[in-house]
């Protein structure tokens, strides 16, 4: 289990979210959901796909999302 910041592009399952963040839940990022990392740079936001939507997540939020 690792946070989203440390993952390469690919599909992962959300295991846990370390901080209570209503915005993540509104976007459908909840434990058990599938999340696909499209682009992960050393700087700037992480581009992910949730369902049929592409969204950019800030590095702080991405660090709170634990996936496997």
PDB file of N, CA and C in Angstrom:
ATOM      1  N   UNK A   1       0.855  -1.171   0.000  1.00  0.00           N
ATOM      2  CA  UNK A   1       0.000   0.000   0.000  1.00  0.00           C
ATOM      3  C   UNK A   1       0.910   1.246   0.000  1.00  0.00           C
ATOM      4  N   UNK A   2       0.649   2.142  -0.930  1.00  0.00           N
ATOM      5  CA  UNK A   2       1.473   3.320  -1.097  1.00  0.00           C
ATOM      6  C   UNK A   2       0.576   4.478  -1.509  1.00  0.00           C
ATOM      7  N   UNK A   3       1.047   5.710  -1.356  1.00  0.00           N
ATOM      8  CA  UNK A   3       0.206   6.836  -1.766  1.00  0.00           C
ATOM      9  C   UNK A   3       0.315   7.072  -3.268  1.00  0.00           C
ATOM     10  N   UNK A   4      -0.607   7.834  -3.786  1.00  0.00           N
ATOM     11  CA  UNK A   4      -0.720   8.052  -5.225  1.00  0.00           C
ATOM     12  C   UNK A   4       0.478   8.789  -5.807  1.00  0.00           C
ATOM     13  N   UNK A   5       1.177   9.570  -4.990  1.00  0.00           N
ATOM     14  CA  UNK A   5       2.339  10.312  -5.476  1.00  0.00           C
ATOM     15  C   UNK A   5       3.470   9.397  -5.936  1.00  0.00           C
ATOM     16  N   UNK A   6       3.578   8.238  -5.342  1.00  0.00           N
ATOM     17  CA  UNK A   6       4.686   7.334  -5.621  1.00  0.00           C
ATOM     18  C   UNK A   6       4.382   6.311  -6.708  1.00  0.00           C
ATOM     19  N   UNK A   7       3.242   6.422  -7.354  1.00  0.00           N
ATOM     20  CA  UNK A   7       2.839   5.433  -8.342  1.00  0.00           C
ATOM     21  C   UNK A   7       3.109   5.908  -9.759  1.00  0.00           C
ATOM     22  N   UNK A   8       3.469   4.974 -10.617  1.00  0.00           N
ATOM     23  CA  UNK A   8       3.638   5.219 -12.041  1.00  0.00           C
ATOM     24  C   UNK A   8       2.273   5.151 -12.719  1.00  0.00           C
ATOM     25  N   UNK A   9       2.163   5.624 -13.958  1.00  0.00           N
ATOM     26  CA  UNK A   9       0.888   5.501 -14.661  1.00  0.00           C
ATOM     27  C   UNK A   9       0.390   4.057 -14.669  1.00  0.00           C
ATOM     28  N   UNK A  10      -0.903   3.901 -14.397  1.00  0.00           N
ATOM     29  CA  UNK A  10      -1.528   2.584 -14.321  1.00  0.00           C
ATOM     30  C   UNK A  10      -2.805   2.678 -13.522  1.00  0.00           C
ATOM     31  N   UNK A  11      -3.489   1.549 -13.359  1.00  0.00           N
ATOM     32  CA  UNK A  11      -4.761   1.502 -12.638  1.00  0.00           C
ATOM     33  C   UNK A  11      -4.550   0.887 -11.266  1.00  0.00           C
ATOM     34  N   UNK A  12      -5.137   1.521 -10.253  1.00  0.00           N
ATOM     35  CA  UNK A  12      -4.985   1.094  -8.866  1.00  0.00           C
ATOM     36  C   UNK A  12      -6.336   1.121  -8.168  1.00  0.00           C
ATOM     37  N   UNK A  13      -6.419   0.452  -7.021  1.00  0.00           N
ATOM     38  CA  UNK A  13      -7.620   0.465  -6.187  1.00  0.00           C
ATOM     39  C   UNK A  13      -7.357   1.337  -4.966  1.00  0.00           C
ATOM     40  N   UNK A  14      -8.280   2.252  -4.696  1.00  0.00           N
ATOM     41  CA  UNK A  14      -8.159   3.124  -3.523  1.00  0.00           C
ATOM     42  C   UNK A  14      -8.438   2.280  -2.281  1.00  0.00           C
ATOM     43  N   UNK A  15      -7.496   2.289  -1.339  1.00  0.00           N
ATOM     44  CA  UNK A  15      -7.633   1.519  -0.107  1.00  0.00           C
ATOM     45  C   UNK A  15      -8.110   2.408   1.034  1.00  0.00           C
ATOM     46  N   UNK A  16      -7.524   3.589   1.141  1.00  0.00           N
ATOM     47  CA  UNK A  16      -7.820   4.467   2.279  1.00  0.00           C
ATOM     48  C   UNK A  16      -7.503   5.901   1.895  1.00  0.00           C
ATOM     49  N   UNK A  17      -8.218   6.836   2.503  1.00  0.00           N
ATOM     50  CA  UNK A  17      -7.910   8.253   2.349  1.00  0.00           C
ATOM     51  C   UNK A  17      -7.557   8.774   3.739  1.00  0.00           C
ATOM     52  N   UNK A  18      -6.322   9.267   3.889  1.00  0.00           N
ATOM     53  CA  UNK A  18      -5.804   9.637   5.209  1.00  0.00           C
ATOM     54  C   UNK A  18      -6.410  10.892   5.801  1.00  0.00           C
ATOM     55  N   UNK A  19      -6.898  11.803   4.981  1.00  0.00           N
ATOM     56  CA  UNK A  19      -7.486  13.029   5.517  1.00  0.00           C
ATOM     57  C   UNK A  19      -8.940  13.109   5.081  1.00  0.00           C
ATOM     58  N   UNK A  20      -9.801  13.580   5.966  1.00  0.00           N
ATOM     59  CA  UNK A  20     -11.201  13.742   5.543  1.00  0.00           C
ATOM     60  C   UNK A  20     -11.302  14.887   4.542  1.00  0.00           C
ATOM     61  N   UNK A  21     -11.672  14.568   3.333  1.00  0.00           N
ATOM     62  CA  UNK A  21     -11.752  15.569   2.281  1.00  0.00           C
ATOM     63  C   UNK A  21     -13.039  15.349   1.498  1.00  0.00           C
ATOM     64  N   UNK A  22     -13.991  16.234   1.692  1.00  0.00           N
ATOM     65  CA  UNK A  22     -15.287  16.119   1.033  1.00  0.00           C
ATOM     66  C   UNK A  22     -15.157  16.154  -0.486  1.00  0.00           C
ATOM     67  N   UNK A  23     -14.228  16.941  -0.990  1.00  0.00           N
ATOM     68  CA  UNK A  23     -14.052  17.077  -2.437  1.00  0.00           C
ATOM     69  C   UNK A  23     -13.699  15.739  -3.084  1.00  0.00           C
ATOM     70  N   UNK A  24     -12.824  14.954  -2.453  1.00  0.00           N
ATOM     71  CA  UNK A  24     -12.461  13.653  -3.007  1.00  0.00           C
ATOM     72  C   UNK A  24     -13.676  12.736  -3.080  1.00  0.00           C
ATOM     73  N   UNK A  25     -14.495  12.734  -2.045  1.00  0.00           N
ATOM     74  CA  UNK A  25     -15.693  11.903  -2.047  1.00  0.00           C
ATOM     75  C   UNK A  25     -16.670  12.357  -3.118  1.00  0.00           C
ATOM     76  N   UNK A  26     -16.798  13.675  -3.317  1.00  0.00           N
ATOM     77  CA  UNK A  26     -17.681  14.199  -4.361  1.00  0.00           C
ATOM     78  C   UNK A  26     -17.201  13.801  -5.753  1.00  0.00           C
ATOM     79  N   UNK A  27     -15.892  13.647  -5.937  1.00  0.00           N
ATOM     80  CA  UNK A  27     -15.329  13.247  -7.218  1.00  0.00           C
ATOM     81  C   UNK A  27     -15.409  11.733  -7.444  1.00  0.00           C
ATOM     82  N   UNK A  28     -15.836  10.992  -6.432  1.00  0.00           N
ATOM     83  CA  UNK A  28     -15.943   9.541  -6.555  1.00  0.00           C
ATOM     84  C   UNK A  28     -14.706   8.797  -6.119  1.00  0.00           C
ATOM     85  N   UNK A  29     -13.777   9.501  -5.483  1.00  0.00           N
ATOM     86  CA  UNK A  29     -12.565   8.857  -4.981  1.00  0.00           C
ATOM     87  C   UNK A  29     -12.846   8.402  -3.561  1.00  0.00           C
ATOM     88  N   UNK A  30     -13.284   7.149  -3.461  1.00  0.00           N
ATOM     89  CA  UNK A  30     -13.639   6.559  -2.174  1.00  0.00           C
ATOM     90  C   UNK A  30     -12.953   5.203  -2.073  1.00  0.00           C
ATOM     91  N   UNK A  31     -12.780   4.684  -0.857  1.00  0.00           N
ATOM     92  CA  UNK A  31     -12.163   3.359  -0.725  1.00  0.00           C
ATOM     93  C   UNK A  31     -12.923   2.315  -1.548  1.00  0.00           C
ATOM     94  N   UNK A  32     -12.173   1.523  -2.295  1.00  0.00           N
ATOM     95  CA  UNK A  32     -12.752   0.496  -3.145  1.00  0.00           C
ATOM     96  C   UNK A  32     -12.888   0.907  -4.599  1.00  0.00           C
ATOM     97  N   UNK A  33     -12.778   2.199  -4.887  1.00  0.00           N
ATOM     98  CA  UNK A  33     -12.921   2.653  -6.278  1.00  0.00           C
ATOM     99  C   UNK A  33     -11.621   2.466  -7.046  1.00  0.00           C
ATOM    100  N   UNK A  34     -11.734   2.377  -8.354  1.00  0.00           N
ATOM    101  CA  UNK A  34     -10.572   2.253  -9.239  1.00  0.00           C
ATOM    102  C   UNK A  34     -10.151   3.647  -9.687  1.00  0.00           C
ATOM    103  N   UNK A  35      -8.847   3.890  -9.685  1.00  0.00           N
ATOM    104  CA  UNK A  35      -8.301   5.174 -10.112  1.00  0.00           C
ATOM    105  C   UNK A  35      -7.137   4.882 -11.058  1.00  0.00           C
ATOM    106  N   UNK A  36      -7.108   5.585 -12.183  1.00  0.00           N
ATOM    107  CA  UNK A  36      -6.053   5.389 -13.169  1.00  0.00           C
ATOM    108  C   UNK A  36      -5.171   6.622 -13.204  1.00  0.00           C
ATOM    109  N   UNK A  37      -3.886   6.451 -12.934  1.00  0.00           N
ATOM    110  CA  UNK A  37      -2.924   7.548 -13.024  1.00  0.00           C
ATOM    111  C   UNK A  37      -2.545   7.688 -14.496  1.00  0.00           C
ATOM    112  N   UNK A  38      -2.801   8.872 -15.054  1.00  0.00           N
ATOM    113  CA  UNK A  38      -2.479   9.141 -16.449  1.00  0.00           C
ATOM    114  C   UNK A  38      -1.107   9.783 -16.552  1.00  0.00           C
ATOM    115  N   UNK A  39      -0.861  10.774 -15.693  1.00  0.00           N
ATOM    116  CA  UNK A  39       0.405  11.496 -15.724  1.00  0.00           C
ATOM    117  C   UNK A  39       0.800  11.861 -14.306  1.00  0.00           C
ATOM    118  N   UNK A  40       2.032  11.548 -13.955  1.00  0.00           N
ATOM    119  CA  UNK A  40       2.545  11.850 -12.625  1.00  0.00           C
ATOM    120  C   UNK A  40       3.933  12.456 -12.768  1.00  0.00           C
ATOM    121  N   UNK A  41       4.024  13.772 -12.665  1.00  0.00           N
ATOM    122  CA  UNK A  41       5.300  14.472 -12.784  1.00  0.00           C
ATOM    123  C   UNK A  41       5.876  14.735 -11.405  1.00  0.00           C
ATOM    124  N   UNK A  42       7.121  15.132 -11.365  1.00  0.00           N
ATOM    125  CA  UNK A  42       7.758  15.474 -10.092  1.00  0.00           C
ATOM    126  C   UNK A  42       7.203  16.777  -9.522  1.00  0.00           C
ATOM    127  N   UNK A  43       6.646  17.619 -10.393  1.00  0.00           N
ATOM    128  CA  UNK A  43       6.087  18.901  -9.963  1.00  0.00           C
ATOM    129  C   UNK A  43       4.695  19.035 -10.546  1.00  0.00           C
ATOM    130  N   UNK A  44       3.857  19.786  -9.874  1.00  0.00           N
ATOM    131  CA  UNK A  44       2.519  20.041 -10.390  1.00  0.00           C
ATOM    132  C   UNK A  44       1.539  18.943 -10.030  1.00  0.00           C
ATOM    133  N   UNK A  45       0.309  19.086 -10.493  1.00  0.00           N
ATOM    134  CA  UNK A  45      -0.742  18.129 -10.131  1.00  0.00           C
ATOM    135  C   UNK A  45      -0.585  16.778 -10.828  1.00  0.00           C
ATOM    136  N   UNK A  46      -1.297  15.792 -10.287  1.00  0.00           N
ATOM    137  CA  UNK A  46      -1.341  14.440 -10.833  1.00  0.00           C
ATOM    138  C   UNK A  46      -2.619  14.341 -11.674  1.00  0.00           C
ATOM    139  N   UNK A  47      -2.511  13.877 -12.905  1.00  0.00           N
ATOM    140  CA  UNK A  47      -3.676  13.718 -13.777  1.00  0.00           C
ATOM    141  C   UNK A  47      -4.168  12.282 -13.643  1.00  0.00           C
ATOM    142  N   UNK A  48      -5.455  12.134 -13.256  1.00  0.00           N
ATOM    143  CA  UNK A  48      -6.032  10.809 -13.042  1.00  0.00           C
ATOM    144  C   UNK A  48      -7.371  10.688 -13.763  1.00  0.00           C
ATOM    145  N   UNK A  49      -7.800   9.439 -13.928  1.00  0.00           N
ATOM    146  CA  UNK A  49      -9.120   9.159 -14.481  1.00  0.00           C
ATOM    147  C   UNK A  49      -9.923   8.407 -13.424  1.00  0.00           C
ATOM    148  N   UNK A  50     -11.116   8.929 -13.179  1.00  0.00           N
ATOM    149  CA  UNK A  50     -12.077   8.273 -12.292  1.00  0.00           C
ATOM    150  C   UNK A  50     -13.329   8.051 -13.124  1.00  0.00           C
ATOM    151  N   UNK A  51     -13.679   6.814 -13.356  1.00  0.00           N
ATOM    152  CA  UNK A  51     -14.819   6.535 -14.229  1.00  0.00           C
ATOM    153  C   UNK A  51     -14.531   7.071 -15.619  1.00  0.00           C
ATOM    154  N   UNK A  52     -15.388   7.966 -16.115  1.00  0.00           N
ATOM    155  CA  UNK A  52     -15.203   8.561 -17.435  1.00  0.00           C
ATOM    156  C   UNK A  52     -14.643   9.971 -17.374  1.00  0.00           C
ATOM    157  N   UNK A  53     -14.221  10.412 -16.201  1.00  0.00           N
ATOM    158  CA  UNK A  53     -13.739  11.782 -16.020  1.00  0.00           C
ATOM    159  C   UNK A  53     -12.240  11.824 -15.790  1.00  0.00           C
ATOM    160  N   UNK A  54     -11.590  12.799 -16.410  1.00  0.00           N
ATOM    161  CA  UNK A  54     -10.177  13.076 -16.142  1.00  0.00           C
ATOM    162  C   UNK A  54     -10.133  14.283 -15.218  1.00  0.00           C
ATOM    163  N   UNK A  55      -9.346  14.180 -14.145  1.00  0.00           N
ATOM    164  CA  UNK A  55      -9.212  15.294 -13.216  1.00  0.00           C
ATOM    165  C   UNK A  55      -7.756  15.451 -12.801  1.00  0.00           C
ATOM    166  N   UNK A  56      -7.417  16.651 -12.396  1.00  0.00           N
ATOM    167  CA  UNK A  56      -6.084  16.934 -11.870  1.00  0.00           C
ATOM    168  C   UNK A  56      -6.206  17.056 -10.353  1.00  0.00           C
ATOM    169  N   UNK A  57      -5.367  16.332  -9.644  1.00  0.00           N
ATOM    170  CA  UNK A  57      -5.373  16.349  -8.184  1.00  0.00           C
ATOM    171  C   UNK A  57      -4.067  16.955  -7.716  1.00  0.00           C
ATOM    172  N   UNK A  58      -4.167  17.902  -6.796  1.00  0.00           N
ATOM    173  CA  UNK A  58      -2.979  18.514  -6.226  1.00  0.00           C
ATOM    174  C   UNK A  58      -2.140  17.489  -5.484  1.00  0.00           C
ATOM    175  N   UNK A  59      -0.859  17.779  -5.355  1.00  0.00           N
ATOM    176  CA  UNK A  59       0.059  16.837  -4.732  1.00  0.00           C
ATOM    177  C   UNK A  59      -0.282  16.566  -3.264  1.00  0.00           C
ATOM    178  N   UNK A  60      -0.834  17.539  -2.563  1.00  0.00           N
ATOM    179  CA  UNK A  60      -1.221  17.335  -1.178  1.00  0.00           C
ATOM    180  C   UNK A  60      -2.351  16.312  -1.058  1.00  0.00           C
ATOM    181  N   UNK A  61      -3.362  16.470  -1.892  1.00  0.00           N
ATOM    182  CA  UNK A  61      -4.483  15.512  -1.894  1.00  0.00           C
ATOM    183  C   UNK A  61      -4.025  14.148  -2.369  1.00  0.00           C
ATOM    184  N   UNK A  62      -3.189  14.106  -3.401  1.00  0.00           N
ATOM    185  CA  UNK A  62      -2.710  12.829  -3.933  1.00  0.00           C
ATOM    186  C   UNK A  62      -1.914  12.058  -2.881  1.00  0.00           C
ATOM    187  N   UNK A  63      -1.184  12.780  -2.042  1.00  0.00           N
ATOM    188  CA  UNK A  63      -0.415  12.124  -0.985  1.00  0.00           C
ATOM    189  C   UNK A  63      -1.273  11.501   0.079  1.00  0.00           C
ATOM    190  N   UNK A  64      -2.535  11.930   0.197  1.00  0.00           N
ATOM    191  CA  UNK A  64      -3.441  11.384   1.197  1.00  0.00           C
ATOM    192  C   UNK A  64      -4.206  10.167   0.692  1.00  0.00           C
ATOM    193  N   UNK A  65      -4.112   9.864  -0.600  1.00  0.00           N
ATOM    194  CA  UNK A  65      -4.848   8.733  -1.173  1.00  0.00           C
ATOM    195  C   UNK A  65      -3.912   7.514  -1.210  1.00  0.00           C
ATOM    196  N   UNK A  66      -4.280   6.487  -0.435  1.00  0.00           N
ATOM    197  CA  UNK A  66      -3.492   5.247  -0.391  1.00  0.00           C
ATOM    198  C   UNK A  66      -4.113   4.239  -1.344  1.00  0.00           C
ATOM    199  N   UNK A  67      -3.262   3.655  -2.196  1.00  0.00           N
ATOM    200  CA  UNK A  67      -3.732   2.701  -3.211  1.00  0.00           C
ATOM    201  C   UNK A  67      -2.877   1.439  -3.188  1.00  0.00           C
ATOM    202  N   UNK A  68      -3.410   0.416  -3.820  1.00  0.00           N
ATOM    203  CA  UNK A  68      -2.625  -0.817  -4.004  1.00  0.00           C
ATOM    204  C   UNK A  68      -2.872  -1.369  -5.376  1.00  0.00           C
TER     205      UNK A  68
END
